[in-house]
C-alpha cells in the first residue's frame, strides 16, 4: 500500500511537498519505533499526511461541504486545515484504507 500512496503523492503533489512527505514518513517510523507503535502504519501516515494538499483551496472547501462533517470556525478562517480530514477520506475512497488509527493520524 505504501508504494501506491507514494506514487499518488509523487503524481499529485509538488516536488517540495513530496520531499516533505518522504521526510515525515521517516520521522514517523523513528517515532513509532521509539514509542513501540506500528512502524508500517507510521511510514504510511507520514507519506499520506499531506495527500490532499495538491488541491486548490476552492476544491478543498467544496469537498469539505460534501464530506458530512460540519465546518468549524477555525476551518472556515483557514481552509488549509481541512486537508487532514479530506486526506483521510481520500485514503478511504481511493486506497480502501479503513484502519482508524491511520485515518485519525492523517
PDB file of N, CA and C in Angstrom:
ATOM      1  N   UNK A   1       0.817  -1.197   0.000  1.00  0.00           N
ATOM      2  CA  UNK A   1       0.000   0.000   0.000  1.00  0.00           C
ATOM      3  C   UNK A   1       0.864   1.267   0.000  1.00  0.00           C
ATOM      4  N   UNK A   2       1.988   1.227   0.726  1.00  0.00           N
ATOM      5  CA  UNK A   2       2.862   2.402   0.793  1.00  0.00           C
ATOM      6  C   UNK A   2       3.298   2.830  -0.601  1.00  0.00           C
ATOM      7  N   UNK A   3       3.691   1.867  -1.409  1.00  0.00           N
ATOM      8  CA  UNK A   3       4.186   2.169  -2.748  1.00  0.00           C
ATOM      9  C   UNK A   3       3.121   2.872  -3.589  1.00  0.00           C
ATOM     10  N   UNK A   4       1.880   2.413  -3.499  1.00  0.00           N
ATOM     11  CA  UNK A   4       0.793   3.018  -4.271  1.00  0.00           C
ATOM     12  C   UNK A   4       0.519   4.452  -3.815  1.00  0.00           C
ATOM     13  N   UNK A   5       0.540   4.668  -2.516  1.00  0.00           N
ATOM     14  CA  UNK A   5       0.301   6.009  -1.988  1.00  0.00           C
ATOM     15  C   UNK A   5       1.471   6.926  -2.341  1.00  0.00           C
ATOM     16  N   UNK A   6       2.686   6.414  -2.254  1.00  0.00           N
ATOM     17  CA  UNK A   6       3.851   7.205  -2.641  1.00  0.00           C
ATOM     18  C   UNK A   6       3.751   7.630  -4.108  1.00  0.00           C
ATOM     19  N   UNK A   7       3.322   6.735  -4.961  1.00  0.00           N
ATOM     20  CA  UNK A   7       3.164   7.061  -6.386  1.00  0.00           C
ATOM     21  C   UNK A   7       2.093   8.136  -6.572  1.00  0.00           C
ATOM     22  N   UNK A   8       0.991   8.009  -5.854  1.00  0.00           N
ATOM     23  CA  UNK A   8      -0.084   9.010  -5.931  1.00  0.00           C
ATOM     24  C   UNK A   8       0.447  10.381  -5.494  1.00  0.00           C
ATOM     25  N   UNK A   9       1.169  10.409  -4.396  1.00  0.00           N
ATOM     26  CA  UNK A   9       1.733  11.658  -3.880  1.00  0.00           C
ATOM     27  C   UNK A   9       2.724  12.237  -4.893  1.00  0.00           C
ATOM     28  N   UNK A  10       3.537  11.367  -5.466  1.00  0.00           N
ATOM     29  CA  UNK A  10       4.516  11.801  -6.466  1.00  0.00           C
ATOM     30  C   UNK A  10       3.833  12.471  -7.665  1.00  0.00           C
ATOM     31  N   UNK A  11       2.727  11.924  -8.086  1.00  0.00           N
ATOM     32  CA  UNK A  11       1.997  12.452  -9.250  1.00  0.00           C
ATOM     33  C   UNK A  11       1.216  13.721  -8.907  1.00  0.00           C
ATOM     34  N   UNK A  12       0.644  13.786  -7.707  1.00  0.00           N
ATOM     35  CA  UNK A  12      -0.327  14.834  -7.389  1.00  0.00           C
ATOM     36  C   UNK A  12       0.197  15.994  -6.545  1.00  0.00           C
ATOM     37  N   UNK A  13       1.386  15.875  -5.988  1.00  0.00           N
ATOM     38  CA  UNK A  13       1.911  16.950  -5.156  1.00  0.00           C
ATOM     39  C   UNK A  13       3.187  17.523  -5.778  1.00  0.00           C
ATOM     40  N   UNK A  14       3.539  18.707  -5.341  1.00  0.00           N
ATOM     41  CA  UNK A  14       4.758  19.339  -5.823  1.00  0.00           C
ATOM     42  C   UNK A  14       5.982  18.551  -5.353  1.00  0.00           C
ATOM     43  N   UNK A  15       7.111  18.792  -5.989  1.00  0.00           N
ATOM     44  CA  UNK A  15       8.360  18.133  -5.595  1.00  0.00           C
ATOM     45  C   UNK A  15       8.702  18.451  -4.141  1.00  0.00           C
ATOM     46  N   UNK A  16       8.512  19.700  -3.745  1.00  0.00           N
ATOM     47  CA  UNK A  16       8.791  20.112  -2.369  1.00  0.00           C
ATOM     48  C   UNK A  16       7.882  19.379  -1.385  1.00  0.00           C
ATOM     49  N   UNK A  17       6.596  19.262  -1.712  1.00  0.00           N
ATOM     50  CA  UNK A  17       5.648  18.568  -0.821  1.00  0.00           C
ATOM     51  C   UNK A  17       5.966  17.082  -0.764  1.00  0.00           C
ATOM     52  N   UNK A  18       6.390  16.507  -1.892  1.00  0.00           N
ATOM     53  CA  UNK A  18       6.786  15.097  -1.907  1.00  0.00           C
ATOM     54  C   UNK A  18       7.984  14.877  -0.995  1.00  0.00           C
ATOM     55  N   UNK A  19       8.995  15.720  -1.101  1.00  0.00           N
ATOM     56  CA  UNK A  19      10.174  15.600  -0.244  1.00  0.00           C
ATOM     57  C   UNK A  19       9.796  15.738   1.224  1.00  0.00           C
ATOM     58  N   UNK A  20       8.909  16.680   1.513  1.00  0.00           N
ATOM     59  CA  UNK A  20       8.422  16.869   2.888  1.00  0.00           C
ATOM     60  C   UNK A  20       7.721  15.596   3.382  1.00  0.00           C
ATOM     61  N   UNK A  21       6.879  15.024   2.548  1.00  0.00           N
ATOM     62  CA  UNK A  21       6.132  13.827   2.947  1.00  0.00           C
ATOM     63  C   UNK A  21       7.050  12.638   3.154  1.00  0.00           C
ATOM     64  N   UNK A  22       8.059  12.500   2.307  1.00  0.00           N
ATOM     65  CA  UNK A  22       9.026  11.409   2.486  1.00  0.00           C
ATOM     66  C   UNK A  22       9.809  11.585   3.789  1.00  0.00           C
ATOM     67  N   UNK A  23      10.210  12.804   4.077  1.00  0.00           N
ATOM     68  CA  UNK A  23      10.921  13.082   5.335  1.00  0.00           C
ATOM     69  C   UNK A  23      10.025  12.811   6.534  1.00  0.00           C
ATOM     70  N   UNK A  24       8.779  13.234   6.438  1.00  0.00           N
ATOM     71  CA  UNK A  24       7.828  12.995   7.527  1.00  0.00           C
ATOM     72  C   UNK A  24       7.639  11.509   7.749  1.00  0.00           C
ATOM     73  N   UNK A  25       7.606  10.744   6.665  1.00  0.00           N
ATOM     74  CA  UNK A  25       7.460   9.298   6.772  1.00  0.00           C
ATOM     75  C   UNK A  25       8.614   8.682   7.570  1.00  0.00           C
ATOM     76  N   UNK A  26       9.828   9.134   7.295  1.00  0.00           N
ATOM     77  CA  UNK A  26      10.991   8.617   8.027  1.00  0.00           C
ATOM     78  C   UNK A  26      10.924   8.981   9.510  1.00  0.00           C
ATOM     79  N   UNK A  27      10.500  10.200   9.790  1.00  0.00           N
ATOM     80  CA  UNK A  27      10.374  10.632  11.189  1.00  0.00           C
ATOM     81  C   UNK A  27       9.291   9.833  11.902  1.00  0.00           C
ATOM     82  N   UNK A  28       8.186   9.580  11.208  1.00  0.00           N
ATOM     83  CA  UNK A  28       7.100   8.790  11.808  1.00  0.00           C
ATOM     84  C   UNK A  28       7.571   7.378  12.148  1.00  0.00           C
ATOM     85  N   UNK A  29       8.358   6.771  11.271  1.00  0.00           N
ATOM     86  CA  UNK A  29       8.898   5.436  11.549  1.00  0.00           C
ATOM     87  C   UNK A  29       9.778   5.482  12.793  1.00  0.00           C
ATOM     88  N   UNK A  30      10.630   6.489  12.869  1.00  0.00           N
ATOM     89  CA  UNK A  30      11.519   6.635  14.023  1.00  0.00           C
ATOM     90  C   UNK A  30      10.713   6.806  15.319  1.00  0.00           C
ATOM     91  N   UNK A  31       9.687   7.642  15.269  1.00  0.00           N
ATOM     92  CA  UNK A  31       8.870   7.869  16.461  1.00  0.00           C
ATOM     93  C   UNK A  31       8.093   6.610  16.859  1.00  0.00           C
ATOM     94  N   UNK A  32       7.568   5.901  15.864  1.00  0.00           N
ATOM     95  CA  UNK A  32       6.852   4.664  16.163  1.00  0.00           C
ATOM     96  C   UNK A  32       7.781   3.643  16.812  1.00  0.00           C
ATOM     97  N   UNK A  33       9.002   3.549  16.302  1.00  0.00           N
ATOM     98  CA  UNK A  33       9.979   2.633  16.885  1.00  0.00           C
ATOM     99  C   UNK A  33      10.280   3.020  18.327  1.00  0.00           C
ATOM    100  N   UNK A  34      10.480   4.288  18.552  1.00  0.00           N
ATOM    101  CA  UNK A  34      10.819   4.783  19.892  1.00  0.00           C
ATOM    102  C   UNK A  34       9.703   4.516  20.893  1.00  0.00           C
ATOM    103  N   UNK A  35       8.441   4.652  20.454  1.00  0.00           N
ATOM    104  CA  UNK A  35       7.319   4.537  21.379  1.00  0.00           C
ATOM    105  C   UNK A  35       6.556   3.226  21.263  1.00  0.00           C
ATOM    106  N   UNK A  36       7.115   2.261  20.547  1.00  0.00           N
ATOM    107  CA  UNK A  36       6.515   0.930  20.483  1.00  0.00           C
ATOM    108  C   UNK A  36       5.241   0.855  19.663  1.00  0.00           C
ATOM    109  N   UNK A  37       5.144   1.686  18.644  1.00  0.00           N
ATOM    110  CA  UNK A  37       3.966   1.679  17.775  1.00  0.00           C
ATOM    111  C   UNK A  37       4.304   1.001  16.449  1.00  0.00           C
ATOM    112  N   UNK A  38       3.292   0.729  15.671  1.00  0.00           N
ATOM    113  CA  UNK A  38       3.443   0.040  14.395  1.00  0.00           C
ATOM    114  C   UNK A  38       4.189   0.921  13.389  1.00  0.00           C
ATOM    115  N   UNK A  39       5.405   0.523  13.045  1.00  0.00           N
ATOM    116  CA  UNK A  39       6.240   1.324  12.157  1.00  0.00           C
ATOM    117  C   UNK A  39       5.685   1.383  10.733  1.00  0.00           C
ATOM    118  N   UNK A  40       5.053   0.311  10.277  1.00  0.00           N
ATOM    119  CA  UNK A  40       4.468   0.314   8.930  1.00  0.00           C
ATOM    120  C   UNK A  40       3.341   1.339   8.832  1.00  0.00           C
ATOM    121  N   UNK A  41       2.530   1.403   9.879  1.00  0.00           N
ATOM    122  CA  UNK A  41       1.465   2.411   9.901  1.00  0.00           C
ATOM    123  C   UNK A  41       2.064   3.816   9.931  1.00  0.00           C
ATOM    124  N   UNK A  42       3.098   3.994  10.733  1.00  0.00           N
ATOM    125  CA  UNK A  42       3.757   5.288  10.813  1.00  0.00           C
ATOM    126  C   UNK A  42       4.309   5.727   9.469  1.00  0.00           C
ATOM    127  N   UNK A  43       4.945   4.808   8.770  1.00  0.00           N
ATOM    128  CA  UNK A  43       5.502   5.106   7.445  1.00  0.00           C
ATOM    129  C   UNK A  43       4.403   5.544   6.488  1.00  0.00           C
ATOM    130  N   UNK A  44       3.282   4.834   6.518  1.00  0.00           N
ATOM    131  CA  UNK A  44       2.160   5.154   5.643  1.00  0.00           C
ATOM    132  C   UNK A  44       1.539   6.503   6.002  1.00  0.00           C
ATOM    133  N   UNK A  45       1.364   6.758   7.277  1.00  0.00           N
ATOM    134  CA  UNK A  45       0.800   8.033   7.734  1.00  0.00           C
ATOM    135  C   UNK A  45       1.698   9.195   7.312  1.00  0.00           C
ATOM    136  N   UNK A  46       2.993   9.004   7.452  1.00  0.00           N
ATOM    137  CA  UNK A  46       3.927  10.065   7.089  1.00  0.00           C
ATOM    138  C   UNK A  46       3.848  10.453   5.632  1.00  0.00           C
ATOM    139  N   UNK A  47       3.805   9.468   4.743  1.00  0.00           N
ATOM    140  CA  UNK A  47       3.739   9.767   3.317  1.00  0.00           C
ATOM    141  C   UNK A  47       2.371  10.326   2.934  1.00  0.00           C
ATOM    142  N   UNK A  48       1.332   9.947   3.677  1.00  0.00           N
ATOM    143  CA  UNK A  48      -0.036  10.317   3.300  1.00  0.00           C
ATOM    144  C   UNK A  48      -0.567  11.564   4.000  1.00  0.00           C
ATOM    145  N   UNK A  49       0.144  12.093   4.981  1.00  0.00           N
ATOM    146  CA  UNK A  49      -0.439  13.146   5.812  1.00  0.00           C
ATOM    147  C   UNK A  49      -0.812  14.411   5.038  1.00  0.00           C
ATOM    148  N   UNK A  50      -0.150  14.683   3.930  1.00  0.00           N
ATOM    149  CA  UNK A  50      -0.462  15.862   3.114  1.00  0.00           C
ATOM    150  C   UNK A  50      -1.047  15.486   1.760  1.00  0.00           C
ATOM    151  N   UNK A  51      -1.602  14.307   1.645  1.00  0.00           N
ATOM    152  CA  UNK A  51      -2.057  13.790   0.366  1.00  0.00           C
ATOM    153  C   UNK A  51      -3.104  14.684  -0.314  1.00  0.00           C
ATOM    154  N   UNK A  52      -3.809  15.484   0.456  1.00  0.00           N
ATOM    155  CA  UNK A  52      -4.842  16.371  -0.105  1.00  0.00           C
ATOM    156  C   UNK A  52      -4.330  17.790  -0.315  1.00  0.00           C
ATOM    157  N   UNK A  53      -3.055  18.048  -0.079  1.00  0.00           N
ATOM    158  CA  UNK A  53      -2.524  19.401  -0.195  1.00  0.00           C
ATOM    159  C   UNK A  53      -2.336  19.862  -1.634  1.00  0.00           C
ATOM    160  N   UNK A  54      -2.420  18.968  -2.614  1.00  0.00           N
ATOM    161  CA  UNK A  54      -2.275  19.356  -4.009  1.00  0.00           C
ATOM    162  C   UNK A  54      -3.546  19.925  -4.612  1.00  0.00           C
ATOM    163  N   UNK A  55      -4.571  20.059  -3.814  1.00  0.00           N
ATOM    164  CA  UNK A  55      -5.878  20.522  -4.268  1.00  0.00           C
ATOM    165  C   UNK A  55      -6.024  22.011  -3.950  1.00  0.00           C
ATOM    166  N   UNK A  56      -6.668  22.750  -4.831  1.00  0.00           N
ATOM    167  CA  UNK A  56      -6.857  24.182  -4.584  1.00  0.00           C
ATOM    168  C   UNK A  56      -7.742  24.399  -3.360  1.00  0.00           C
ATOM    169  N   UNK A  57      -7.651  25.593  -2.779  1.00  0.00           N
ATOM    170  CA  UNK A  57      -8.492  25.899  -1.607  1.00  0.00           C
ATOM    171  C   UNK A  57      -9.969  25.859  -1.971  1.00  0.00           C
ATOM    172  N   UNK A  58     -10.312  26.278  -3.177  1.00  0.00           N
ATOM    173  CA  UNK A  58     -11.719  26.228  -3.617  1.00  0.00           C
ATOM    174  C   UNK A  58     -12.209  24.787  -3.643  1.00  0.00           C
ATOM    175  N   UNK A  59     -11.408  23.899  -4.222  1.00  0.00           N
ATOM    176  CA  UNK A  59     -11.777  22.484  -4.257  1.00  0.00           C
ATOM    177  C   UNK A  59     -11.838  21.901  -2.850  1.00  0.00           C
ATOM    178  N   UNK A  60     -10.923  22.327  -2.005  1.00  0.00           N
ATOM    179  CA  UNK A  60     -10.909  21.855  -0.617  1.00  0.00           C
ATOM    180  C   UNK A  60     -12.212  22.218   0.082  1.00  0.00           C
ATOM    181  N   UNK A  61     -12.645  23.448  -0.083  1.00  0.00           N
ATOM    182  CA  UNK A  61     -13.894  23.892   0.552  1.00  0.00           C
ATOM    183  C   UNK A  61     -15.073  23.116  -0.001  1.00  0.00           C
ATOM    184  N   UNK A  62     -15.124  22.932  -1.312  1.00  0.00           N
ATOM    185  CA  UNK A  62     -16.229  22.181  -1.927  1.00  0.00           C
ATOM    186  C   UNK A  62     -16.272  20.755  -1.381  1.00  0.00           C
ATOM    187  N   UNK A  63     -15.120  20.087  -1.336  1.00  0.00           N
ATOM    188  CA  UNK A  63     -15.081  18.721  -0.806  1.00  0.00           C
ATOM    189  C   UNK A  63     -15.511  18.686   0.656  1.00  0.00           C
ATOM    190  N   UNK A  64     -15.094  19.678   1.423  1.00  0.00           N
ATOM    191  CA  UNK A  64     -15.436  19.668   2.853  1.00  0.00           C
ATOM    192  C   UNK A  64     -16.925  19.878   3.078  1.00  0.00           C
ATOM    193  N   UNK A  65     -17.576  20.604   2.188  1.00  0.00           N
ATOM    194  CA  UNK A  65     -19.015  20.810   2.322  1.00  0.00           C
ATOM    195  C   UNK A  65     -19.803  19.543   2.004  1.00  0.00           C
ATOM    196  N   UNK A  66     -19.145  18.609   1.336  1.00  0.00           N
ATOM    197  CA  UNK A  66     -19.809  17.366   0.944  1.00  0.00           C
ATOM    198  C   UNK A  66     -19.357  16.142   1.734  1.00  0.00           C
ATOM    199  N   UNK A  67     -18.505  16.317   2.738  1.00  0.00           N
ATOM    200  CA  UNK A  67     -17.987  15.145   3.442  1.00  0.00           C
ATOM    201  C   UNK A  67     -18.803  14.743   4.669  1.00  0.00           C
ATOM    202  N   UNK A  68     -19.855  15.484   4.947  1.00  0.00           N
ATOM    203  CA  UNK A  68     -20.747  15.098   6.041  1.00  0.00           C
ATOM    204  C   UNK A  68     -20.355  15.611   7.413  1.00  0.00           C
ATOM    205  N   UNK A  69     -19.283  16.381   7.500  1.00  0.00           N
ATOM    206  CA  UNK A  69     -18.851  16.926   8.780  1.00  0.00           C
ATOM    207  C   UNK A  69     -19.054  18.439   8.782  1.00  0.00           C
ATOM    208  N   UNK A  70     -19.380  18.996   9.933  1.00  0.00           N
ATOM    209  CA  UNK A  70     -19.542  20.455   9.978  1.00  0.00           C
ATOM    210  C   UNK A  70     -18.203  21.169   9.871  1.00  0.00           C
ATOM    211  N   UNK A  71     -18.241  22.359   9.317  1.00  0.00           N
ATOM    212  CA  UNK A  71     -17.045  23.206   9.286  1.00  0.00           C
ATOM    213  C   UNK A  71     -16.965  23.954  10.608  1.00  0.00           C
ATOM    214  N   UNK A  72     -15.808  23.908  11.216  1.00  0.00           N
ATOM    215  CA  UNK A  72     -15.588  24.664  12.445  1.00  0.00           C
ATOM    216  C   UNK A  72     -15.130  26.074  12.080  1.00  0.00           C
ATOM    217  N   UNK A  73     -15.325  26.985  12.978  1.00  0.00           N
ATOM    218  CA  UNK A  73     -14.976  28.386  12.735  1.00  0.00           C
ATOM    219  C   UNK A  73     -13.525  28.537  12.271  1.00  0.00           C
ATOM    220  N   UNK A  74     -12.633  27.828  12.926  1.00  0.00           N
ATOM    221  CA  UNK A  74     -11.214  27.939  12.565  1.00  0.00           C
ATOM    222  C   UNK A  74     -10.945  27.390  11.164  1.00  0.00           C
ATOM    223  N   UNK A  75     -11.673  26.348  10.777  1.00  0.00           N
ATOM    224  CA  UNK A  75     -11.533  25.805   9.420  1.00  0.00           C
ATOM    225  C   UNK A  75     -12.073  26.771   8.376  1.00  0.00           C
ATOM    226  N   UNK A  76     -13.126  27.477   8.720  1.00  0.00           N
ATOM    227  CA  UNK A  76     -13.657  28.488   7.801  1.00  0.00           C
ATOM    228  C   UNK A  76     -12.650  29.612   7.588  1.00  0.00           C
ATOM    229  N   UNK A  77     -11.970  30.000   8.644  1.00  0.00           N
ATOM    230  CA  UNK A  77     -10.966  31.063   8.548  1.00  0.00           C
ATOM    231  C   UNK A  77      -9.705  30.580   7.825  1.00  0.00           C
ATOM    232  N   UNK A  78      -9.361  29.311   8.022  1.00  0.00           N
ATOM    233  CA  UNK A  78      -8.125  28.732   7.475  1.00  0.00           C
ATOM    234  C   UNK A  78      -8.442  27.396   6.792  1.00  0.00           C
ATOM    235  N   UNK A  79      -8.990  27.420   5.585  1.00  0.00           N
ATOM    236  CA  UNK A  79      -9.415  26.180   4.922  1.00  0.00           C
ATOM    237  C   UNK A  79      -8.294  25.160   4.703  1.00  0.00           C
ATOM    238  N   UNK A  80      -7.049  25.602   4.744  1.00  0.00           N
ATOM    239  CA  UNK A  80      -5.946  24.651   4.585  1.00  0.00           C
ATOM    240  C   UNK A  80      -5.976  23.595   5.689  1.00  0.00           C
ATOM    241  N   UNK A  81      -6.575  23.920   6.828  1.00  0.00           N
ATOM    242  CA  UNK A  81      -6.678  22.969   7.935  1.00  0.00           C
ATOM    243  C   UNK A  81      -7.540  21.753   7.584  1.00  0.00           C
ATOM    244  N   UNK A  82      -8.336  21.874   6.540  1.00  0.00           N
ATOM    245  CA  UNK A  82      -9.225  20.788   6.131  1.00  0.00           C
ATOM    246  C   UNK A  82      -8.495  19.643   5.439  1.00  0.00           C
ATOM    247  N   UNK A  83      -7.256  19.859   5.049  1.00  0.00           N
ATOM    248  CA  UNK A  83      -6.569  18.848   4.249  1.00  0.00           C
ATOM    249  C   UNK A  83      -6.401  17.518   4.981  1.00  0.00           C
ATOM    250  N   UNK A  84      -6.344  17.541   6.293  1.00  0.00           N
ATOM    251  CA  UNK A  84      -6.191  16.297   7.043  1.00  0.00           C
ATOM    252  C   UNK A  84      -7.420  15.414   6.960  1.00  0.00           C
ATOM    253  N   UNK A  85      -8.552  15.982   7.269  1.00  0.00           N
ATOM    254  CA  UNK A  85      -9.776  15.162   7.236  1.00  0.00           C
ATOM    255  C   UNK A  85     -10.112  14.737   5.817  1.00  0.00           C
ATOM    256  N   UNK A  86      -9.838  15.603   4.840  1.00  0.00           N
ATOM    257  CA  UNK A  86     -10.108  15.252   3.452  1.00  0.00           C
ATOM    258  C   UNK A  86      -9.092  14.228   2.941  1.00  0.00           C
ATOM    259  N   UNK A  87      -7.873  14.311   3.438  1.00  0.00           N
ATOM    260  CA  UNK A  87      -6.876  13.298   3.101  1.00  0.00           C
ATOM    261  C   UNK A  87      -7.278  11.928   3.605  1.00  0.00           C
ATOM    262  N   UNK A  88      -7.826  11.877   4.805  1.00  0.00           N
ATOM    263  CA  UNK A  88      -8.304  10.607   5.362  1.00  0.00           C
ATOM    264  C   UNK A  88      -9.439  10.045   4.505  1.00  0.00           C
ATOM    265  N   UNK A  89     -10.344  10.900   4.065  1.00  0.00           N
ATOM    266  CA  UNK A  89     -11.436  10.465   3.191  1.00  0.00           C
ATOM    267  C   UNK A  89     -10.884   9.935   1.866  1.00  0.00           C
ATOM    268  N   UNK A  90      -9.887  10.610   1.323  1.00  0.00           N
ATOM    269  CA  UNK A  90      -9.269  10.176   0.079  1.00  0.00           C
ATOM    270  C   UNK A  90      -8.637   8.792   0.252  1.00  0.00           C
ATOM    271  N   UNK A  91      -7.963   8.587   1.377  1.00  0.00           N
ATOM    272  CA  UNK A  91      -7.358   7.275   1.639  1.00  0.00           C
ATOM    273  C   UNK A  91      -8.412   6.169   1.695  1.00  0.00           C
ATOM    274  N   UNK A  92      -9.557   6.487   2.271  1.00  0.00           N
ATOM    275  CA  UNK A  92     -10.646   5.504   2.304  1.00  0.00           C
ATOM    276  C   UNK A  92     -11.176   5.224   0.909  1.00  0.00           C
ATOM    277  N   UNK A  93     -11.470   6.285   0.165  1.00  0.00           N
ATOM    278  CA  UNK A  93     -12.112   6.142  -1.142  1.00  0.00           C
ATOM    279  C   UNK A  93     -11.199   5.529  -2.197  1.00  0.00           C
ATOM    280  N   UNK A  94      -9.977   6.012  -2.304  1.00  0.00           N
ATOM    281  CA  UNK A  94      -9.092   5.567  -3.383  1.00  0.00           C
ATOM    282  C   UNK A  94      -8.323   4.305  -3.021  1.00  0.00           C
ATOM    283  N   UNK A  95      -7.871   4.218  -1.771  1.00  0.00           N
ATOM    284  CA  UNK A  95      -6.998   3.107  -1.381  1.00  0.00           C
ATOM    285  C   UNK A  95      -7.680   2.078  -0.479  1.00  0.00           C
ATOM    286  N   UNK A  96      -8.925   2.319  -0.113  1.00  0.00           N
ATOM    287  CA  UNK A  96      -9.675   1.357   0.695  1.00  0.00           C
ATOM    288  C   UNK A  96      -9.181   1.207   2.118  1.00  0.00           C
ATOM    289  N   UNK A  97      -8.492   2.199   2.627  1.00  0.00           N
ATOM    290  CA  UNK A  97      -7.976   2.131   3.995  1.00  0.00           C
ATOM    291  C   UNK A  97      -9.112   2.393   4.978  1.00  0.00           C
ATOM    292  N   UNK A  98      -9.275   1.476   5.914  1.00  0.00           N
ATOM    293  CA  UNK A  98     -10.327   1.612   6.915  1.00  0.00           C
ATOM    294  C   UNK A  98      -9.767   1.606   8.336  1.00  0.00           C
ATOM    295  N   UNK A  99      -8.476   1.463   8.472  1.00  0.00           N
ATOM    296  CA  UNK A  99      -7.827   1.424   9.780  1.00  0.00           C
ATOM    297  C   UNK A  99      -7.960   2.802  10.442  1.00  0.00           C
ATOM    298  N   UNK A 100      -8.712   2.854  11.519  1.00  0.00           N
ATOM    299  CA  UNK A 100      -8.992   4.128  12.188  1.00  0.00           C
ATOM    300  C   UNK A 100      -7.746   4.789  12.763  1.00  0.00           C
ATOM    301  N   UNK A 101      -6.765   4.016  13.192  1.00  0.00           N
ATOM    302  CA  UNK A 101      -5.530   4.629  13.681  1.00  0.00           C
ATOM    303  C   UNK A 101      -4.840   5.409  12.572  1.00  0.00           C
ATOM    304  N   UNK A 102      -4.786   4.849  11.384  1.00  0.00           N
ATOM    305  CA  UNK A 102      -4.181   5.532  10.250  1.00  0.00           C
ATOM    306  C   UNK A 102      -4.990   6.767   9.874  1.00  0.00           C
ATOM    307  N   UNK A 103      -6.293   6.595   9.746  1.00  0.00           N
ATOM    308  CA  UNK A 103      -7.150   7.704   9.324  1.00  0.00           C
ATOM    309  C   UNK A 103      -7.121   8.851  10.333  1.00  0.00           C
ATOM    310  N   UNK A 104      -7.133   8.537  11.613  1.00  0.00           N
ATOM    311  CA  UNK A 104      -7.084   9.582  12.633  1.00  0.00           C
ATOM    312  C   UNK A 104      -5.730  10.282  12.641  1.00  0.00           C
ATOM    313  N   UNK A 105      -4.670   9.535  12.417  1.00  0.00           N
ATOM    314  CA  UNK A 105      -3.334  10.149  12.402  1.00  0.00           C
ATOM    315  C   UNK A 105      -3.184  11.102  11.228  1.00  0.00           C
ATOM    316  N   UNK A 106      -3.764  10.758  10.101  1.00  0.00           N
ATOM    317  CA  UNK A 106      -3.715  11.643   8.932  1.00  0.00           C
ATOM    318  C   UNK A 106      -4.555  12.865   9.220  1.00  0.00           C
TER     319      UNK A 106
END
